[in-house]
């Protein structure tokens, strides 16, 4: 499992990669994470504050900031 965040201005993107042949779960950082489509790495699912990834898959998520 490999994860990192990239921040620019008001935009935060989280990247989580599962590089093994087994499903994995990772506790997400605080906030509301919205999956971003189009990366072509299989889809991770957000559930109960975690991202669940199938084998050899990835998750790209955008942090949704509260209005205000």
N, C-alpha and C. Protein backbone atom coordinates (compact mmCIF):
# COMPACT_ATOMS: atom_id res chain seq x y z
N UNK A 1 0.87 -1.16 0.00
CA UNK A 1 0.00 0.00 0.00
C UNK A 1 0.91 1.22 0.00
N UNK A 2 0.58 2.17 -0.87
CA UNK A 2 1.35 3.40 -1.02
C UNK A 2 0.33 4.53 -1.12
N UNK A 3 0.49 5.57 -0.30
CA UNK A 3 -0.48 6.66 -0.32
C UNK A 3 0.23 8.00 -0.17
N UNK A 4 -0.32 9.02 -0.83
CA UNK A 4 0.21 10.38 -0.68
C UNK A 4 -0.88 11.38 -1.04
N UNK A 5 -0.70 12.61 -0.57
CA UNK A 5 -1.62 13.71 -0.88
C UNK A 5 -0.87 14.76 -1.67
N UNK A 6 -1.60 15.43 -2.54
CA UNK A 6 -1.08 16.60 -3.27
C UNK A 6 -2.05 17.74 -3.01
N UNK A 7 -1.49 18.91 -2.67
CA UNK A 7 -2.32 20.07 -2.37
C UNK A 7 -1.86 21.25 -3.22
N UNK A 8 -2.83 21.98 -3.75
CA UNK A 8 -2.56 23.19 -4.51
C UNK A 8 -3.74 24.13 -4.32
N UNK A 9 -3.50 25.25 -3.67
CA UNK A 9 -4.59 26.18 -3.41
C UNK A 9 -5.65 25.52 -2.56
N UNK A 10 -6.88 25.53 -3.05
CA UNK A 10 -8.00 24.92 -2.33
C UNK A 10 -8.24 23.47 -2.71
N UNK A 11 -7.37 22.88 -3.52
CA UNK A 11 -7.57 21.52 -4.00
C UNK A 11 -6.63 20.55 -3.30
N UNK A 12 -7.21 19.46 -2.79
CA UNK A 12 -6.42 18.38 -2.19
C UNK A 12 -6.83 17.07 -2.86
N UNK A 13 -5.85 16.31 -3.34
CA UNK A 13 -6.10 15.01 -3.96
C UNK A 13 -5.30 13.96 -3.18
N UNK A 14 -5.97 12.87 -2.85
CA UNK A 14 -5.35 11.73 -2.18
C UNK A 14 -5.20 10.61 -3.19
N UNK A 15 -4.02 10.01 -3.24
CA UNK A 15 -3.75 8.87 -4.11
C UNK A 15 -3.38 7.68 -3.22
N UNK A 16 -4.09 6.57 -3.39
CA UNK A 16 -3.80 5.35 -2.65
C UNK A 16 -3.65 4.22 -3.66
N UNK A 17 -2.53 3.51 -3.61
CA UNK A 17 -2.27 2.42 -4.55
C UNK A 17 -2.06 1.12 -3.78
N UNK A 18 -2.78 0.09 -4.17
CA UNK A 18 -2.59 -1.24 -3.62
C UNK A 18 -1.76 -2.01 -4.64
N UNK A 19 -0.53 -2.31 -4.30
CA UNK A 19 0.41 -2.93 -5.24
C UNK A 19 0.57 -4.43 -5.04
N UNK A 20 -0.31 -5.04 -4.25
CA UNK A 20 -0.21 -6.48 -3.99
C UNK A 20 -1.44 -7.20 -4.52
N UNK A 21 -1.37 -8.52 -4.50
CA UNK A 21 -2.44 -9.36 -5.04
C UNK A 21 -3.51 -9.71 -4.00
N UNK A 22 -3.66 -8.88 -2.96
CA UNK A 22 -4.67 -9.09 -1.94
C UNK A 22 -5.44 -7.79 -1.72
N UNK A 23 -6.73 -7.88 -1.37
CA UNK A 23 -7.47 -6.65 -1.06
C UNK A 23 -6.87 -5.98 0.18
N UNK A 24 -6.98 -4.66 0.24
CA UNK A 24 -6.46 -3.89 1.38
C UNK A 24 -7.43 -2.78 1.73
N UNK A 25 -7.35 -2.33 3.01
CA UNK A 25 -8.14 -1.19 3.49
C UNK A 25 -7.18 -0.21 4.15
N UNK A 26 -7.48 1.07 3.99
CA UNK A 26 -6.67 2.13 4.59
C UNK A 26 -7.59 3.15 5.24
N UNK A 27 -7.27 3.54 6.47
CA UNK A 27 -8.02 4.59 7.15
C UNK A 27 -7.77 5.91 6.43
N UNK A 28 -8.84 6.59 6.05
CA UNK A 28 -8.70 7.86 5.34
C UNK A 28 -8.38 9.00 6.30
N UNK A 29 -7.65 10.01 5.82
CA UNK A 29 -7.45 11.21 6.63
C UNK A 29 -8.80 11.88 6.90
N UNK A 30 -8.89 12.71 7.92
CA UNK A 30 -10.15 13.40 8.22
C UNK A 30 -10.67 14.18 7.01
N UNK A 31 -11.99 14.22 6.89
CA UNK A 31 -12.63 14.97 5.81
C UNK A 31 -13.54 14.06 5.00
N UNK A 32 -14.19 14.65 4.02
CA UNK A 32 -15.08 13.92 3.11
C UNK A 32 -14.35 13.74 1.78
N UNK A 33 -14.04 12.50 1.44
CA UNK A 33 -13.29 12.18 0.23
C UNK A 33 -14.23 11.67 -0.85
N UNK A 34 -14.17 12.30 -2.02
CA UNK A 34 -15.00 11.92 -3.16
C UNK A 34 -14.13 11.22 -4.19
N UNK A 35 -14.48 9.99 -4.58
CA UNK A 35 -13.68 9.29 -5.60
C UNK A 35 -13.62 10.08 -6.91
N UNK A 36 -12.45 10.11 -7.51
CA UNK A 36 -12.24 10.75 -8.81
C UNK A 36 -12.08 9.65 -9.85
N UNK A 37 -12.80 9.75 -10.94
CA UNK A 37 -12.80 8.71 -11.98
C UNK A 37 -11.78 9.03 -13.07
N UNK A 38 -11.52 8.01 -13.89
CA UNK A 38 -10.72 8.22 -15.10
C UNK A 38 -9.25 7.89 -14.98
N UNK A 39 -8.82 7.32 -13.86
CA UNK A 39 -7.39 7.02 -13.70
C UNK A 39 -7.01 5.65 -14.24
N UNK A 40 -7.99 4.76 -14.46
CA UNK A 40 -7.74 3.47 -15.10
C UNK A 40 -7.05 2.43 -14.23
N UNK A 41 -7.08 2.58 -12.91
CA UNK A 41 -6.37 1.65 -12.03
C UNK A 41 -7.28 0.74 -11.22
N UNK A 42 -8.52 0.57 -11.62
CA UNK A 42 -9.46 -0.17 -10.79
C UNK A 42 -10.01 0.79 -9.75
N UNK A 43 -11.11 0.46 -9.17
CA UNK A 43 -11.77 1.43 -8.30
C UNK A 43 -11.75 1.02 -6.84
N UNK A 44 -11.23 1.91 -6.01
CA UNK A 44 -11.37 1.75 -4.57
C UNK A 44 -12.71 2.31 -4.14
N UNK A 45 -13.23 1.79 -3.04
CA UNK A 45 -14.53 2.21 -2.52
C UNK A 45 -14.35 2.83 -1.14
N UNK A 46 -15.00 3.96 -0.91
CA UNK A 46 -14.99 4.60 0.40
C UNK A 46 -16.09 3.98 1.24
N UNK A 47 -15.72 3.47 2.42
CA UNK A 47 -16.70 2.85 3.32
C UNK A 47 -16.23 2.99 4.76
N UNK A 48 -17.09 3.54 5.58
CA UNK A 48 -16.83 3.68 7.02
C UNK A 48 -15.50 4.36 7.34
N UNK A 49 -15.19 5.43 6.62
CA UNK A 49 -13.96 6.17 6.89
C UNK A 49 -12.69 5.53 6.37
N UNK A 50 -12.84 4.48 5.57
CA UNK A 50 -11.70 3.78 4.98
C UNK A 50 -11.86 3.77 3.46
N UNK A 51 -10.76 3.52 2.76
CA UNK A 51 -10.86 3.19 1.35
C UNK A 51 -10.51 1.70 1.23
N UNK A 52 -11.37 0.96 0.55
CA UNK A 52 -11.16 -0.47 0.32
C UNK A 52 -10.72 -0.65 -1.13
N UNK A 53 -9.59 -1.32 -1.30
CA UNK A 53 -9.03 -1.51 -2.64
C UNK A 53 -8.92 -2.99 -2.99
N UNK A 54 -9.37 -3.36 -4.19
CA UNK A 54 -9.12 -4.72 -4.66
C UNK A 54 -7.63 -4.87 -4.98
N UNK A 55 -7.19 -6.08 -5.28
CA UNK A 55 -5.79 -6.29 -5.64
C UNK A 55 -5.36 -5.41 -6.82
N UNK A 56 -4.15 -4.89 -6.74
CA UNK A 56 -3.53 -4.10 -7.82
C UNK A 56 -4.45 -3.00 -8.34
N UNK A 57 -4.98 -2.21 -7.43
CA UNK A 57 -5.92 -1.15 -7.80
C UNK A 57 -5.48 0.17 -7.17
N UNK A 58 -6.20 1.22 -7.54
CA UNK A 58 -5.87 2.54 -7.01
C UNK A 58 -7.11 3.34 -6.67
N UNK A 59 -6.91 4.35 -5.85
CA UNK A 59 -7.97 5.28 -5.47
C UNK A 59 -7.41 6.68 -5.59
N UNK A 60 -8.13 7.52 -6.30
CA UNK A 60 -7.84 8.95 -6.35
C UNK A 60 -9.06 9.64 -5.76
N UNK A 61 -8.87 10.44 -4.73
CA UNK A 61 -10.00 11.09 -4.09
C UNK A 61 -9.75 12.57 -3.91
N UNK A 62 -10.81 13.35 -4.08
CA UNK A 62 -10.76 14.79 -3.85
C UNK A 62 -11.37 15.11 -2.51
N UNK A 63 -10.74 15.99 -1.75
CA UNK A 63 -11.26 16.41 -0.45
C UNK A 63 -12.34 17.45 -0.66
N UNK A 64 -13.54 17.15 -0.15
CA UNK A 64 -14.64 18.10 -0.23
C UNK A 64 -14.59 18.99 1.00
N UNK A 65 -14.38 20.29 0.78
CA UNK A 65 -14.29 21.23 1.89
C UNK A 65 -15.67 21.76 2.23
N UNK A 66 -15.91 21.98 3.52
CA UNK A 66 -17.21 22.54 3.91
C UNK A 66 -17.41 23.92 3.31
N UNK A 67 -18.66 24.24 2.99
CA UNK A 67 -18.98 25.57 2.45
C UNK A 67 -18.72 26.63 3.51
N UNK A 68 -18.28 27.80 3.06
CA UNK A 68 -18.07 28.88 4.02
C UNK A 68 -16.86 29.58 3.83
